[in-house]
Protein backbone atom coordinates (compact mmCIF):
# COMPACT_ATOMS: atom_id res chain seq x y z
CA MET A 1 -0.19 -0.04 -0.06
CA ASN A 2 1.39 3.38 -0.89
CA PHE A 3 0.59 6.71 0.40
CA ARG A 4 -2.20 7.65 -1.94
CA GLU A 5 -3.80 4.32 -1.51
CA ALA A 6 -3.85 4.84 2.28
CA THR A 7 -5.49 7.87 2.11
CA ALA A 8 -8.16 6.81 -0.30
CA TYR A 9 -8.76 3.74 2.11
CA LEU A 10 -9.18 6.26 5.00
CA ASP A 11 -11.26 8.69 3.03
CA GLY A 12 -13.56 5.63 2.43
CA LEU A 13 -14.26 5.26 6.10
CA ILE A 14 -15.82 8.93 6.15
CA SER A 15 -19.13 7.65 4.85
CA GLU A 16 -19.19 5.25 7.67
CA ALA A 17 -18.81 7.91 10.43
CA THR A 18 -21.35 7.53 13.15
CA SER A 19 -24.42 9.06 13.09
CA GLN A 20 -25.90 11.40 15.69
CA GLN A 21 -27.78 8.21 17.07
CA ARG A 22 -24.75 5.91 17.16
CA TYR A 23 -22.66 8.46 19.04
CA ALA A 24 -24.04 7.58 22.21
CA GLU A 25 -24.89 3.98 21.29
CA ILE A 26 -21.53 2.79 20.54
CA LYS A 27 -19.67 4.43 23.62
CA LEU A 28 -15.92 3.70 23.32
CA GLU A 29 -16.57 0.07 22.52
CA ARG A 30 -15.81 0.15 18.89
CA MET A 31 -12.40 2.22 19.35
CA LYS A 32 -11.07 -0.27 22.23
CA ASP A 33 -12.14 -3.23 19.88
CA LEU A 34 -9.80 -1.89 17.14
CA LEU A 35 -7.05 -1.01 19.53
CA ARG A 36 -7.23 -4.61 21.21
CA ARG A 37 -6.77 -5.98 17.65
CA LEU A 38 -3.93 -3.97 17.16
CA GLY A 39 -2.12 -4.89 20.22
CA ASP A 40 -3.47 -2.10 22.68
CA PRO A 41 -0.71 0.35 21.58
CA HIS A 42 -2.29 3.08 23.89
CA LEU A 43 -1.44 1.21 27.10
CA SER A 44 2.19 1.76 26.70
CA LEU A 45 1.85 5.80 26.54
CA LYS A 46 2.11 8.53 28.98
CA VAL A 47 -0.54 10.95 27.78
CA VAL A 48 -1.69 14.61 28.27
CA LEU A 49 -5.35 14.92 26.93
CA VAL A 50 -6.87 17.94 25.83
CA ALA A 51 -10.71 18.82 25.26
CA GLY A 52 -12.52 21.98 24.80
CA THR A 53 -14.23 24.17 22.40
CA LYS A 54 -11.77 26.62 21.47
CA GLY A 55 -7.87 26.72 21.72
CA LYS A 56 -7.34 23.21 22.38
CA GLY A 57 -5.22 22.74 19.02
CA SER A 58 -3.05 25.67 20.07
CA THR A 59 -2.55 24.62 23.53
CA CYS A 60 -1.60 21.08 22.37
CA ALA A 61 1.00 22.67 20.06
CA MET A 62 2.33 24.89 22.81
CA ILE A 63 2.66 22.10 25.42
CA SER A 64 4.15 19.74 22.63
CA SER A 65 6.81 22.46 21.48
CA ILE A 66 7.78 23.10 25.25
CA LEU A 67 8.25 19.43 25.87
CA ALA A 68 10.47 18.95 22.67
CA ALA A 69 12.36 22.08 23.57
CA SER A 70 13.12 20.18 26.95
CA GLY A 71 14.74 17.32 25.00
CA MET A 72 11.87 14.84 25.10
CA THR A 73 10.53 12.96 22.29
CA VAL A 74 6.88 14.33 21.82
CA GLY A 75 4.01 12.86 20.00
CA LEU A 76 1.10 15.23 18.92
CA HIS A 77 -2.24 14.06 17.59
CA ALA A 78 -4.19 16.91 16.37
CA LYS A 79 -7.25 17.41 14.23
CA PRO A 80 -8.42 18.08 11.69
CA HIS A 81 -5.93 18.66 9.29
CA LEU A 82 -5.51 21.60 7.13
CA GLU A 83 -3.72 20.42 3.99
CA ASP A 84 -2.39 16.63 4.73
CA VAL A 85 -3.61 14.09 6.91
CA ARG A 86 -0.06 13.56 8.07
CA GLU A 87 -0.45 16.70 10.18
CA ARG A 88 -2.45 14.78 12.47
CA ILE A 89 0.43 12.45 13.48
CA GLN A 90 3.33 14.43 14.48
CA VAL A 91 6.66 13.77 16.45
CA ASP A 92 8.55 16.58 17.61
CA GLY A 93 6.55 19.01 15.23
CA ARG A 94 7.22 16.90 12.15
CA PRO A 95 4.52 14.92 10.49
CA VAL A 96 4.70 11.23 9.88
CA GLY A 97 6.53 10.37 6.78
CA THR A 98 4.37 9.08 3.74
CA LYS A 99 5.91 5.56 3.77
CA THR A 100 5.40 5.09 7.52
CA PHE A 101 1.63 6.33 7.28
CA ALA A 102 1.29 3.90 4.52
CA ARG A 103 2.63 1.24 6.47
CA LEU A 104 0.46 2.03 9.34
CA VAL A 105 -2.64 2.01 7.24
CA ALA A 106 -1.73 -1.47 5.78
CA ARG A 107 -1.46 -2.74 9.24
CA MET A 108 -4.73 -1.58 10.58
CA ARG A 109 -6.72 -2.25 7.33
CA PRO A 110 -7.24 -5.97 8.00
CA HIS A 111 -8.52 -5.32 11.47
CA SER A 112 -10.69 -2.56 10.13
CA GLU A 113 -12.19 -4.84 7.57
CA ALA A 114 -12.84 -7.84 9.92
CA MET A 115 -14.72 -5.36 12.18
CA ARG A 116 -17.37 -5.08 9.47
CA GLU A 117 -18.73 -8.36 10.48
CA GLY A 118 -18.56 -7.35 14.24
CA ARG A 119 -21.22 -5.79 16.55
CA TRP A 120 -19.85 -2.32 16.00
CA GLY A 121 -19.02 -2.23 12.65
CA PRO A 122 -15.79 -0.72 11.01
CA PRO A 123 -14.08 2.39 12.66
CA SER A 124 -14.84 5.83 11.36
CA TYR A 125 -12.38 8.17 9.85
CA PHE A 126 -11.45 9.95 13.14
CA GLU A 127 -11.15 6.60 15.18
CA ALA A 128 -8.89 5.15 12.62
CA THR A 129 -6.52 8.30 12.75
CA VAL A 130 -6.35 8.12 16.39
CA ALA A 131 -5.52 4.50 16.10
CA LEU A 132 -2.73 5.31 13.85
CA ALA A 133 -1.31 8.07 15.79
CA LEU A 134 -1.40 5.77 18.91
CA MET A 135 0.37 3.08 16.89
CA HIS A 136 2.90 5.49 15.66
CA PHE A 137 3.71 6.90 19.07
CA SER A 138 3.97 3.51 20.65
CA SER A 139 6.39 2.19 17.87
CA VAL A 140 8.88 5.26 18.04
CA PRO A 141 8.37 5.42 21.12
CA VAL A 142 7.70 8.84 22.55
CA ASP A 143 8.17 10.02 25.96
CA LEU A 144 4.92 11.67 26.03
CA ALA A 145 1.84 11.83 23.68
CA VAL A 146 -0.27 15.04 23.48
CA LEU A 147 -3.69 14.24 22.33
CA GLU A 148 -6.40 16.68 21.03
CA VAL A 149 -9.83 15.53 21.71
CA GLY A 150 -12.15 15.24 18.57
CA LEU A 151 -15.64 15.80 19.77
CA GLY A 152 -16.77 16.26 23.16
CA GLY A 153 -14.72 14.03 25.58
CA ARG A 154 -16.63 11.36 27.41
CA LEU A 155 -17.21 9.24 24.28
CA ASP A 156 -14.56 10.45 21.94
CA ALA A 157 -11.92 7.82 20.70
CA THR A 158 -8.91 9.60 22.31
CA ASN A 159 -10.66 8.80 25.85
CA VAL A 160 -9.39 5.28 25.92
CA THR A 161 -6.19 6.61 27.12
CA SER A 162 -5.25 7.09 30.80
CA PRO A 163 -3.91 10.64 30.80
CA LEU A 164 -1.41 11.94 33.38
CA VAL A 165 -3.19 15.37 33.06
CA SER A 166 -6.70 16.25 31.61
CA VAL A 167 -6.76 19.76 30.24
CA ILE A 168 -10.20 21.44 29.47
CA THR A 169 -9.87 24.58 27.12
CA PRO A 170 -12.54 27.37 26.96
CA ILE A 171 -15.93 25.68 26.61
CA SER A 172 -18.55 27.45 24.24
CA LEU A 173 -21.55 26.26 22.04
CA ASP A 174 -20.51 24.19 19.26
CA HIS A 175 -21.45 20.61 17.98
CA THR A 176 -24.92 21.16 19.74
CA GLU A 177 -26.88 18.74 17.61
CA VAL A 178 -24.62 16.13 19.35
CA LEU A 179 -23.32 17.42 22.64
CA GLY A 180 -26.37 19.39 23.75
CA ASP A 181 -27.63 23.01 23.47
CA THR A 182 -26.35 24.40 26.78
CA ILE A 183 -23.00 25.18 28.23
CA THR A 184 -23.74 22.97 31.28
CA ALA A 185 -24.63 19.97 28.66
CA ILE A 186 -21.52 20.47 26.64
CA ALA A 187 -18.99 20.91 29.64
CA THR A 188 -20.46 17.64 31.03
CA GLU A 189 -19.39 15.81 27.74
CA LYS A 190 -16.18 17.46 28.10
CA ALA A 191 -15.50 16.65 31.59
CA GLY A 192 -15.75 13.06 30.69
CA ILE A 193 -12.11 13.09 30.41
CA ILE A 194 -11.37 13.57 34.05
CA ARG A 195 -9.96 10.57 35.75
CA ASP A 196 -10.34 9.46 39.45
CA HIS A 197 -7.45 11.06 41.41
CA GLY A 198 -6.33 12.74 38.39
CA ILE A 199 -4.98 16.12 37.69
CA VAL A 200 -7.07 18.61 35.86
CA VAL A 201 -5.98 21.87 34.36
CA SER A 202 -8.96 24.23 33.44
CA ALA A 203 -8.78 27.43 31.33
CA PRO A 204 -11.12 30.35 32.39
CA GLN A 205 -14.43 29.11 31.79
CA GLU A 206 -18.15 30.55 31.75
CA LYS A 207 -19.75 30.17 35.18
CA GLU A 208 -21.82 27.20 34.13
CA ALA A 209 -18.82 25.38 32.53
CA SER A 210 -16.50 26.08 35.70
CA ALA A 211 -19.33 24.61 37.87
CA VAL A 212 -19.38 21.21 36.04
CA ILE A 213 -15.84 20.99 35.93
CA ALA A 214 -15.40 21.50 39.65
CA ALA A 215 -18.23 19.24 40.63
CA THR A 216 -16.68 16.41 38.16
CA CYS A 217 -13.52 16.85 39.96
CA GLU A 218 -14.75 16.64 43.38
CA GLU A 219 -16.76 13.59 42.17
CA HIS A 220 -13.57 11.98 41.03
CA CYS A 221 -11.34 13.30 43.80
CA ALA A 222 -9.25 14.89 41.29
CA ARG A 223 -7.06 17.99 41.78
CA LEU A 224 -8.20 21.00 39.91
CA ILE A 225 -5.62 23.74 38.76
CA GLN A 226 -7.53 26.82 37.44
CA VAL A 227 -5.84 29.00 35.04
CA GLY A 228 -6.86 32.73 35.90
CA GLU A 229 -6.71 31.90 39.68
CA GLU A 230 -3.53 29.77 40.39
CA VAL A 231 -1.79 30.39 37.13
CA THR A 232 -2.26 34.05 35.85
CA TRP A 233 -0.81 36.14 33.12
CA GLU A 234 0.08 39.62 32.18
CA ARG A 235 0.10 40.61 28.59
CA ARG A 236 2.80 43.16 27.70
CA THR A 237 3.10 43.82 24.10
CA SER A 238 1.31 42.89 20.89
CA THR A 239 2.47 43.19 17.39
CA ARG A 240 1.59 41.64 13.98
CA ASP A 241 4.46 39.33 14.81
CA GLY A 242 3.38 38.00 18.05
CA GLN A 243 3.20 39.15 21.52
CA GLN A 244 5.20 39.30 24.77
CA PHE A 245 3.75 38.31 28.06
CA THR A 246 4.52 36.95 31.53
CA ILE A 247 3.09 34.05 33.20
CA PHE A 248 2.78 33.82 36.97
CA GLY A 249 3.03 30.06 37.56
CA ARG A 250 2.50 27.92 40.82
CA PHE A 251 6.18 27.30 40.77
CA GLY A 252 7.68 30.32 39.48
CA VAL A 253 7.27 33.58 37.42
CA TYR A 254 8.11 33.12 33.68
CA GLU A 255 8.96 36.69 32.48
CA ASP A 256 8.98 38.19 29.03
CA LEU A 257 7.77 35.15 27.19
CA TRP A 258 7.17 35.36 23.47
CA ILE A 259 4.81 33.56 21.09
CA PRO A 260 4.70 34.15 17.23
CA LEU A 261 0.84 33.76 17.32
CA LEU A 262 -1.75 36.68 17.30
CA GLY A 263 -4.63 37.23 19.67
CA ALA A 264 -4.98 37.82 23.57
CA HIS A 265 -6.63 34.41 23.50
CA GLN A 266 -3.23 32.72 22.70
CA VAL A 267 -1.77 34.37 25.83
CA VAL A 268 -4.56 32.44 27.67
CA ASN A 269 -3.70 29.22 25.79
CA ALA A 270 -0.15 29.74 26.68
CA ALA A 271 -0.99 30.26 30.43
CA THR A 272 -2.90 26.72 30.01
CA ALA A 273 -0.11 25.18 28.42
CA VAL A 274 2.32 26.33 31.11
CA ALA A 275 0.21 25.17 33.79
CA THR A 276 -0.10 21.78 32.35
CA ILE A 277 3.81 21.65 32.13
CA GLU A 278 4.14 22.43 35.76
CA CYS A 279 1.76 19.57 36.55
CA LEU A 280 3.68 17.09 34.79
CA ARG A 281 6.56 17.47 37.59
CA ASP A 282 4.29 15.08 39.70
CA PHE A 283 5.17 12.37 37.08
CA GLY A 284 9.11 13.27 37.01
CA TYR A 285 8.97 15.40 33.91
CA ALA A 286 11.06 18.48 35.06
CA VAL A 287 10.97 21.36 32.51
CA PRO A 288 13.34 24.15 32.85
CA PRO A 289 12.01 27.78 32.66
CA ASP A 290 14.36 28.14 29.44
CA ALA A 291 12.50 25.15 27.66
CA ILE A 292 9.16 27.15 28.36
CA ARG A 293 10.71 30.12 26.96
CA ARG A 294 12.11 28.35 23.94
CA GLY A 295 9.03 26.11 23.27
CA LEU A 296 6.70 29.11 23.27
CA ALA A 297 8.83 31.10 21.01
CA SER A 298 9.28 28.38 18.22
CA VAL A 299 5.46 27.10 18.25
CA ARG A 300 4.18 27.09 14.92
CA TRP A 301 0.28 26.64 14.49
CA PRO A 302 -0.97 27.39 10.90
CA ALA A 303 -4.10 29.12 10.20
CA ARG A 304 -4.79 30.29 13.87
CA VAL A 305 -5.13 34.01 13.17
CA GLU A 306 -2.16 33.47 10.70
CA LEU A 307 -0.69 36.47 8.97
CA PHE A 308 0.18 34.60 5.91
CA SER A 309 1.62 37.53 4.18
CA ARG A 310 1.55 41.48 3.83
CA ARG A 311 0.51 44.00 1.47
CA PRO A 312 -2.23 43.24 0.98
CA CYS A 313 -2.29 41.55 4.43
CA ILE A 314 -3.83 37.97 4.26
CA LEU A 315 -5.10 36.65 7.34
CA LEU A 316 -5.94 32.98 7.62
CA ASP A 317 -8.10 31.59 10.48
CA VAL A 318 -10.14 28.55 11.10
CA ALA A 319 -12.76 30.07 13.19
CA HIS A 320 -16.09 28.55 12.76
CA ASN A 321 -18.14 29.23 15.80
CA PRO A 322 -19.24 32.62 17.47
CA ALA A 323 -16.60 32.41 20.26
CA SER A 324 -13.54 31.75 17.92
CA MET A 325 -14.89 34.24 15.55
CA ALA A 326 -15.03 36.90 18.53
CA ALA A 327 -11.33 36.10 19.06
CA LEU A 328 -10.71 36.71 15.45
CA ARG A 329 -12.63 40.05 15.41
CA ALA A 330 -10.59 41.29 18.46
CA VAL A 331 -7.31 40.56 16.54
CA LEU A 332 -8.61 42.63 13.55
CA GLU A 333 -9.80 45.52 15.82
CA GLU A 334 -6.51 45.68 17.76
CA LEU A 335 -4.05 45.12 14.92
CA PHE A 336 -5.71 46.36 11.88
CA PRO A 337 -7.59 49.37 13.02
CA GLY A 338 -9.00 51.53 10.18
CA ARG A 339 -7.94 49.08 7.43
CA ARG A 340 -10.58 47.72 4.84
CA VAL A 341 -11.16 44.22 5.55
CA ILE A 342 -12.34 41.91 2.51
CA LEU A 343 -13.81 38.93 4.06
CA VAL A 344 -13.43 35.51 2.23
CA TYR A 345 -16.05 33.50 4.10
CA GLY A 346 -17.44 29.94 3.76
CA MET A 347 -19.04 27.57 6.62
CA LEU A 348 -20.47 24.19 6.91
CA GLU A 349 -24.47 23.72 7.20
CA THR A 350 -23.76 22.18 10.54
CA LYS A 351 -22.29 25.15 12.30
CA ASP A 352 -24.02 28.17 13.72
CA TYR A 353 -23.52 30.36 10.71
CA ARG A 354 -26.20 32.87 11.89
CA GLY A 355 -24.49 33.59 15.15
CA THR A 356 -20.96 33.52 13.69
CA THR A 357 -21.74 35.87 10.93
CA ALA A 358 -23.45 38.20 13.28
CA VAL A 359 -20.07 38.44 15.02
CA ILE A 360 -17.59 38.83 12.16
CA ALA A 361 -19.62 40.29 9.13
CA PRO A 362 -19.76 43.98 10.79
CA CYS A 363 -15.83 44.04 10.66
CA ALA A 364 -15.83 43.72 6.92
CA HIS A 365 -16.25 46.14 4.14
CA HIS A 366 -16.67 43.88 1.52
CA ILE A 367 -17.62 40.07 1.82
CA ILE A 368 -17.10 37.33 -0.77
CA ALA A 369 -19.32 34.31 0.39
CA THR A 370 -18.10 31.09 -1.09
CA ARG A 371 -18.67 27.28 -0.54
CA PRO A 372 -16.13 25.00 1.36
CA HIS A 373 -15.42 21.70 -0.31
CA HIS A 374 -17.27 19.44 1.87
CA PRO A 375 -20.56 17.47 1.77
CA HIS A 376 -22.04 19.54 4.35
CA ALA A 377 -20.96 22.70 3.03
CA LEU A 378 -23.32 25.68 3.40
CA ASP A 379 -24.73 27.00 0.18
CA ALA A 380 -22.91 30.32 -0.34
CA SER A 381 -26.09 32.23 -1.49
CA ILE A 382 -27.52 31.31 2.11
CA LEU A 383 -24.38 32.66 3.99
CA ALA A 384 -24.51 35.76 1.62
CA LYS A 385 -28.13 36.47 2.71
CA GLU A 386 -27.30 36.38 6.38
CA ALA A 387 -24.25 38.52 5.79
CA ARG A 388 -26.22 41.27 3.83
CA GLN A 389 -27.98 42.17 6.97
CA PHE A 390 -24.48 43.56 8.26
CA VAL A 391 -22.58 44.62 5.06
CA PRO A 392 -24.00 46.08 1.89
CA VAL A 393 -21.45 44.83 -0.57
CA VAL A 394 -21.74 40.88 -0.43
CA GLU A 395 -20.74 38.67 -3.43
CA VAL A 396 -21.32 35.10 -4.11
CA VAL A 397 -18.55 33.15 -5.60
CA GLU A 398 -19.16 29.37 -5.24
CA ASN A 399 -15.66 28.14 -5.99
CA GLN A 400 -13.17 28.88 -3.00
CA LEU A 401 -10.05 29.38 -5.02
CA SER A 402 -11.95 31.71 -7.46
CA ALA A 403 -13.35 33.52 -4.53
CA MET A 404 -9.94 34.12 -3.04
CA ALA A 405 -8.61 35.06 -6.66
CA HIS A 406 -11.39 37.74 -6.59
CA ALA A 407 -10.58 39.08 -3.32
CA LEU A 408 -6.87 39.48 -4.51
CA SER A 409 -8.26 41.50 -7.59
CA LEU A 410 -9.94 43.83 -5.30
CA ALA A 411 -7.44 44.16 -2.74
CA GLU A 412 -5.19 47.43 -2.59
CA ARG A 413 -1.87 47.18 -0.59
CA GLU A 414 -3.05 48.54 2.65
CA ASP A 415 -6.39 46.19 2.72
CA VAL A 416 -6.67 43.08 4.79
CA ILE A 417 -8.07 39.87 3.16
CA CYS A 418 -9.42 37.55 5.78
CA VAL A 419 -10.27 33.87 5.17
CA THR A 420 -12.43 32.39 7.72
CA GLY A 421 -15.33 30.23 8.48
CA SER A 422 -14.10 26.48 8.12
CA PHE A 423 -11.02 24.40 8.06
CA TYR A 424 -11.71 23.14 4.60
CA LEU A 425 -12.10 26.55 3.16
CA VAL A 426 -8.98 27.88 4.89
CA GLY A 427 -6.82 24.63 4.20
CA GLU A 428 -7.41 24.68 0.57
CA ILE A 429 -6.91 28.42 0.03
CA ARG A 430 -3.65 28.31 2.20
CA ARG A 431 -2.39 25.23 0.06
CA ALA A 432 -2.98 27.31 -3.07
CA LEU A 433 -1.20 30.36 -1.83
CA ARG A 434 1.90 28.26 -0.64
CA ARG A 435 1.96 26.73 -4.29
CA LYS A 436 1.61 30.25 -5.57
CA VAL A 437 -1.53 28.88 -7.61
CA LEU A 438 -3.34 32.28 -6.58
CA ARG A 439 -1.96 35.62 -7.56
């Protein structure tokens, strides 16, 4: 099996993803079945498990970068990918090689096929990629694996692991059709990663989410570290190149740290990452302050308010719900005041496109509504109709690359082109920009 055949096989599992009803029905039994057939690779791993609605990918990237800077071999599982499925399986910041990826899929495939006749059916795409990551991390082997939860927490495929530290980033409304339509319901699902007598790091939360996390920790006799109370931060400076800040941890003050990521929310993510690093001391992982400094300074996390180029500025961000879009809006207002903003905008129909549009559309002077390449893409004309409540100049360009080309043709040197609304939209446009397909 070569890489193309491997990705084609995985893509074939997408149509077999669990339905809304099956989400609760299968619990974690299917994932456990797959891993059992593969020799239970997760049982040999030391894991940090990160759930949340926003910021979990960035927090995972920061934790991984700090650990790697301290000299450890670190596995990172993140999702979804932007351009290449191998981004989901990284060791020390490098995606798994194509040949290794193909070998992993070839090893998994007979077990996946055998499961078709079983009680739970074959794995979903996400379950398969998590299994591939666990297989790879076990075989390397890594010193620590940092795993980003996919959906919720309690029933997510990553929750078969036994984390040293469970991390919960800010919780807001998303995936409401599956997780519930209140903060309390969603927080209950995400708090499912908390273990008996475990250690939990929580980013600042809304009152309802904070109450759920605290109650769950008490129920499980778990120790809760609250960022914003026991670990705090002070933002010093912010530019279009990054930001400087100080974190006041439980074991020390980390002064004048730097991250090349934009937005005040990333400083909160950094504080959450540092709080997690400090917790790992309990397990013998001592990370010196200099590794924290170097790890944060070297972190790379594409398409999270990424300033891809200048003149015109091209800002790429995968925000797709009101909370994450509010963070993007804050960056636009802070770092690009008075600039004309051309918004290239596309969403999935499964997302809260009305609430999200209400947040970001008023920042734009010109909106180009488009359609991500995805089976559940929202019709661009529906998105345009919603945007016209806030911005008079709204166009529809169905093809996403054509939409970006149109934005480039309209933009003057001091304008900002902001591409957002979906991983699938931003990923394809970013790939085209990197390959200089778009001018």
